[in-house]
Amino acid sequence: MAKRKNDHIPLSEALQEFISANKLQKGIDKVDAREAWAKLMGNGVNNYTTAIELRGDTLFISLSSSVLREELSHGKSKIVTMLNEELGKEIVKKLVLR
């Protein structure tokens, strides 16, 4: 009786294989990026955030406050660094505030 190749693998490994096999990583990264933004920015910024979209390695953030947009634009590279630290990998290379 032939033994199955992956009889005993951790659930996390099985999920990762499933994600890879079904090309779901981009979708998961999009959700993770949204959650990371919400977590890092807190309610103050989230109340003015109207849309969050990850396209490729660029995170597009739509804000309803031009004052806040201007304020955040000064710290873009720091925000990108913090987002990637929160995500545990380098997903975001560029941040576009609009």
C-alpha atoms as a PDB file:
ATOM      1  CA  MET A   1       0.000   0.000   0.000  1.00  0.00           C
ATOM      2  CA  ALA A   2       1.552   3.292  -1.119  1.00  0.00           C
ATOM      3  CA  LYS A   3       1.678   5.977   1.512  1.00  0.00           C
ATOM      4  CA  ARG A   4       0.417   9.424   0.497  1.00  0.00           C
ATOM      5  CA  LYS A   5       3.210  11.921   0.004  1.00  0.00           C
ATOM      6  CA  ASN A   6       1.943  14.415   2.563  1.00  0.00           C
ATOM      7  CA  ASP A   7       0.337  12.299   5.227  1.00  0.00           C
ATOM      8  CA  HIS A   8       1.240  14.569   8.116  1.00  0.00           C
ATOM      9  CA  ILE A   9       1.868  18.192   7.289  1.00  0.00           C
ATOM     10  CA  PRO A  10       0.987  21.172   9.455  1.00  0.00           C
ATOM     11  CA  LEU A  11      -2.267  22.929   8.608  1.00  0.00           C
ATOM     12  CA  SER A  12      -0.430  26.191   7.876  1.00  0.00           C
ATOM     13  CA  GLU A  13       1.718  24.391   5.300  1.00  0.00           C
ATOM     14  CA  ALA A  14      -1.343  22.748   3.723  1.00  0.00           C
ATOM     15  CA  LEU A  15      -3.095  26.119   3.492  1.00  0.00           C
ATOM     16  CA  GLN A  16      -0.021  27.736   1.963  1.00  0.00           C
ATOM     17  CA  GLU A  17       0.150  24.971  -0.658  1.00  0.00           C
ATOM     18  CA  PHE A  18      -3.545  25.444  -1.425  1.00  0.00           C
ATOM     19  CA  ILE A  19      -3.098  29.223  -1.713  1.00  0.00           C
ATOM     20  CA  SER A  20      -0.123  28.816  -4.051  1.00  0.00           C
ATOM     21  CA  ALA A  21      -1.763  26.147  -6.178  1.00  0.00           C
ATOM     22  CA  ASN A  22      -4.861  28.292  -6.643  1.00  0.00           C
ATOM     23  CA  LYS A  23      -2.998  31.599  -7.130  1.00  0.00           C
ATOM     24  CA  LEU A  24      -4.822  33.234  -4.226  1.00  0.00           C
ATOM     25  CA  GLN A  25      -1.836  35.050  -2.689  1.00  0.00           C
ATOM     26  CA  LYS A  26      -2.525  38.370  -4.466  1.00  0.00           C
ATOM     27  CA  GLY A  27      -6.070  38.437  -3.118  1.00  0.00           C
ATOM     28  CA  ILE A  28      -4.875  37.614   0.381  1.00  0.00           C
ATOM     29  CA  ASP A  29      -2.194  40.330   0.141  1.00  0.00           C
ATOM     30  CA  LYS A  30      -4.907  42.846  -0.811  1.00  0.00           C
ATOM     31  CA  VAL A  31      -6.975  41.968   2.254  1.00  0.00           C
ATOM     32  CA  ASP A  32      -3.879  41.950   4.484  1.00  0.00           C
ATOM     33  CA  ALA A  33      -2.789  45.379   3.185  1.00  0.00           C
ATOM     34  CA  ARG A  34      -6.250  46.790   3.936  1.00  0.00           C
ATOM     35  CA  GLU A  35      -6.175  45.371   7.456  1.00  0.00           C
ATOM     36  CA  ALA A  36      -2.619  46.608   8.053  1.00  0.00           C
ATOM     37  CA  TRP A  37      -3.604  50.161   7.010  1.00  0.00           C
ATOM     38  CA  ALA A  38      -6.643  50.117   9.316  1.00  0.00           C
ATOM     39  CA  LYS A  39      -4.618  48.759  12.228  1.00  0.00           C
ATOM     40  CA  LEU A  40      -1.654  51.112  11.834  1.00  0.00           C
ATOM     41  CA  MET A  41      -3.613  54.278  11.139  1.00  0.00           C
ATOM     42  CA  GLY A  42      -6.256  53.924  13.831  1.00  0.00           C
ATOM     43  CA  ASN A  43      -9.748  55.424  13.912  1.00  0.00           C
ATOM     44  CA  GLY A  44      -8.644  59.015  13.310  1.00  0.00           C
ATOM     45  CA  VAL A  45      -7.326  58.261   9.821  1.00  0.00           C
ATOM     46  CA  ASN A  46      -9.734  55.405   9.093  1.00  0.00           C
ATOM     47  CA  ASN A  47     -12.711  57.745   9.465  1.00  0.00           C
ATOM     48  CA  TYR A  48     -11.346  59.722   6.484  1.00  0.00           C
ATOM     49  CA  THR A  49     -10.241  56.690   4.442  1.00  0.00           C
ATOM     50  CA  THR A  50     -12.763  56.082   1.675  1.00  0.00           C
ATOM     51  CA  ALA A  51     -10.929  53.373  -0.330  1.00  0.00           C
ATOM     52  CA  ILE A  52      -7.871  51.135  -0.046  1.00  0.00           C
ATOM     53  CA  GLU A  53      -6.636  49.286  -3.111  1.00  0.00           C
ATOM     54  CA  LEU A  54      -3.462  47.289  -3.651  1.00  0.00           C
ATOM     55  CA  ARG A  55      -2.497  47.150  -7.342  1.00  0.00           C
ATOM     56  CA  GLY A  56       0.723  45.268  -7.937  1.00  0.00           C
ATOM     57  CA  ASP A  57       3.107  46.684  -5.334  1.00  0.00           C
ATOM     58  CA  THR A  58       1.370  50.084  -5.105  1.00  0.00           C
ATOM     59  CA  LEU A  59      -1.138  50.837  -2.343  1.00  0.00           C
ATOM     60  CA  PHE A  60      -3.726  53.435  -3.351  1.00  0.00           C
ATOM     61  CA  ILE A  61      -5.444  55.193  -0.452  1.00  0.00           C
ATOM     62  CA  SER A  62      -8.395  57.506  -1.042  1.00  0.00           C
ATOM     63  CA  LEU A  63      -8.916  60.071   1.688  1.00  0.00           C
ATOM     64  CA  SER A  64     -11.839  62.451   2.131  1.00  0.00           C
ATOM     65  CA  SER A  65      -9.652  65.072   3.847  1.00  0.00           C
ATOM     66  CA  SER A  66      -7.150  67.074   1.788  1.00  0.00           C
ATOM     67  CA  VAL A  67      -5.503  68.304   5.005  1.00  0.00           C
ATOM     68  CA  LEU A  68      -4.941  64.727   6.196  1.00  0.00           C
ATOM     69  CA  ARG A  69      -3.706  63.701   2.722  1.00  0.00           C
ATOM     70  CA  GLU A  70      -1.135  66.502   2.828  1.00  0.00           C
ATOM     71  CA  GLU A  71      -0.094  65.574   6.366  1.00  0.00           C
ATOM     72  CA  LEU A  72       0.347  61.870   5.548  1.00  0.00           C
ATOM     73  CA  SER A  73       2.199  62.596   2.301  1.00  0.00           C
ATOM     74  CA  HIS A  74       5.170  63.865   4.340  1.00  0.00           C
ATOM     75  CA  GLY A  75       5.658  60.442   5.932  1.00  0.00           C
ATOM     76  CA  LYS A  76       4.982  58.145   2.956  1.00  0.00           C
ATOM     77  CA  SER A  77       8.240  56.163   3.122  1.00  0.00           C
ATOM     78  CA  LYS A  78       7.830  55.631   6.866  1.00  0.00           C
ATOM     79  CA  ILE A  79       4.227  54.467   6.338  1.00  0.00           C
ATOM     80  CA  VAL A  80       5.372  52.004   3.638  1.00  0.00           C
ATOM     81  CA  THR A  81       8.021  50.618   6.010  1.00  0.00           C
ATOM     82  CA  MET A  82       5.503  50.270   8.851  1.00  0.00           C
ATOM     83  CA  LEU A  83       2.950  48.558   6.569  1.00  0.00           C
ATOM     84  CA  ASN A  84       5.499  46.013   5.361  1.00  0.00           C
ATOM     85  CA  GLU A  85       6.639  45.333   8.932  1.00  0.00           C
ATOM     86  CA  GLU A  86       3.006  44.755   9.907  1.00  0.00           C
ATOM     87  CA  LEU A  87       2.536  42.468   6.876  1.00  0.00           C
ATOM     88  CA  GLY A  88       5.705  40.524   7.642  1.00  0.00           C
ATOM     89  CA  LYS A  89       6.929  40.805   4.052  1.00  0.00           C
ATOM     90  CA  GLU A  90       7.531  43.482   1.439  1.00  0.00           C
ATOM     91  CA  ILE A  91       4.226  43.791  -0.370  1.00  0.00           C
ATOM     92  CA  VAL A  92       3.950  47.579  -0.654  1.00  0.00           C
ATOM     93  CA  LYS A  93       6.698  49.461  -2.495  1.00  0.00           C
ATOM     94  CA  LYS A  94       4.782  52.651  -3.267  1.00  0.00           C
ATOM     95  CA  LEU A  95       2.007  54.564  -1.513  1.00  0.00           C
ATOM     96  CA  VAL A  96      -0.348  56.826  -3.481  1.00  0.00           C
ATOM     97  CA  LEU A  97      -2.631  59.117  -1.488  1.00  0.00           C
ATOM     98  CA  ARG A  98      -5.565  60.599  -3.353  1.00  0.00           C
END
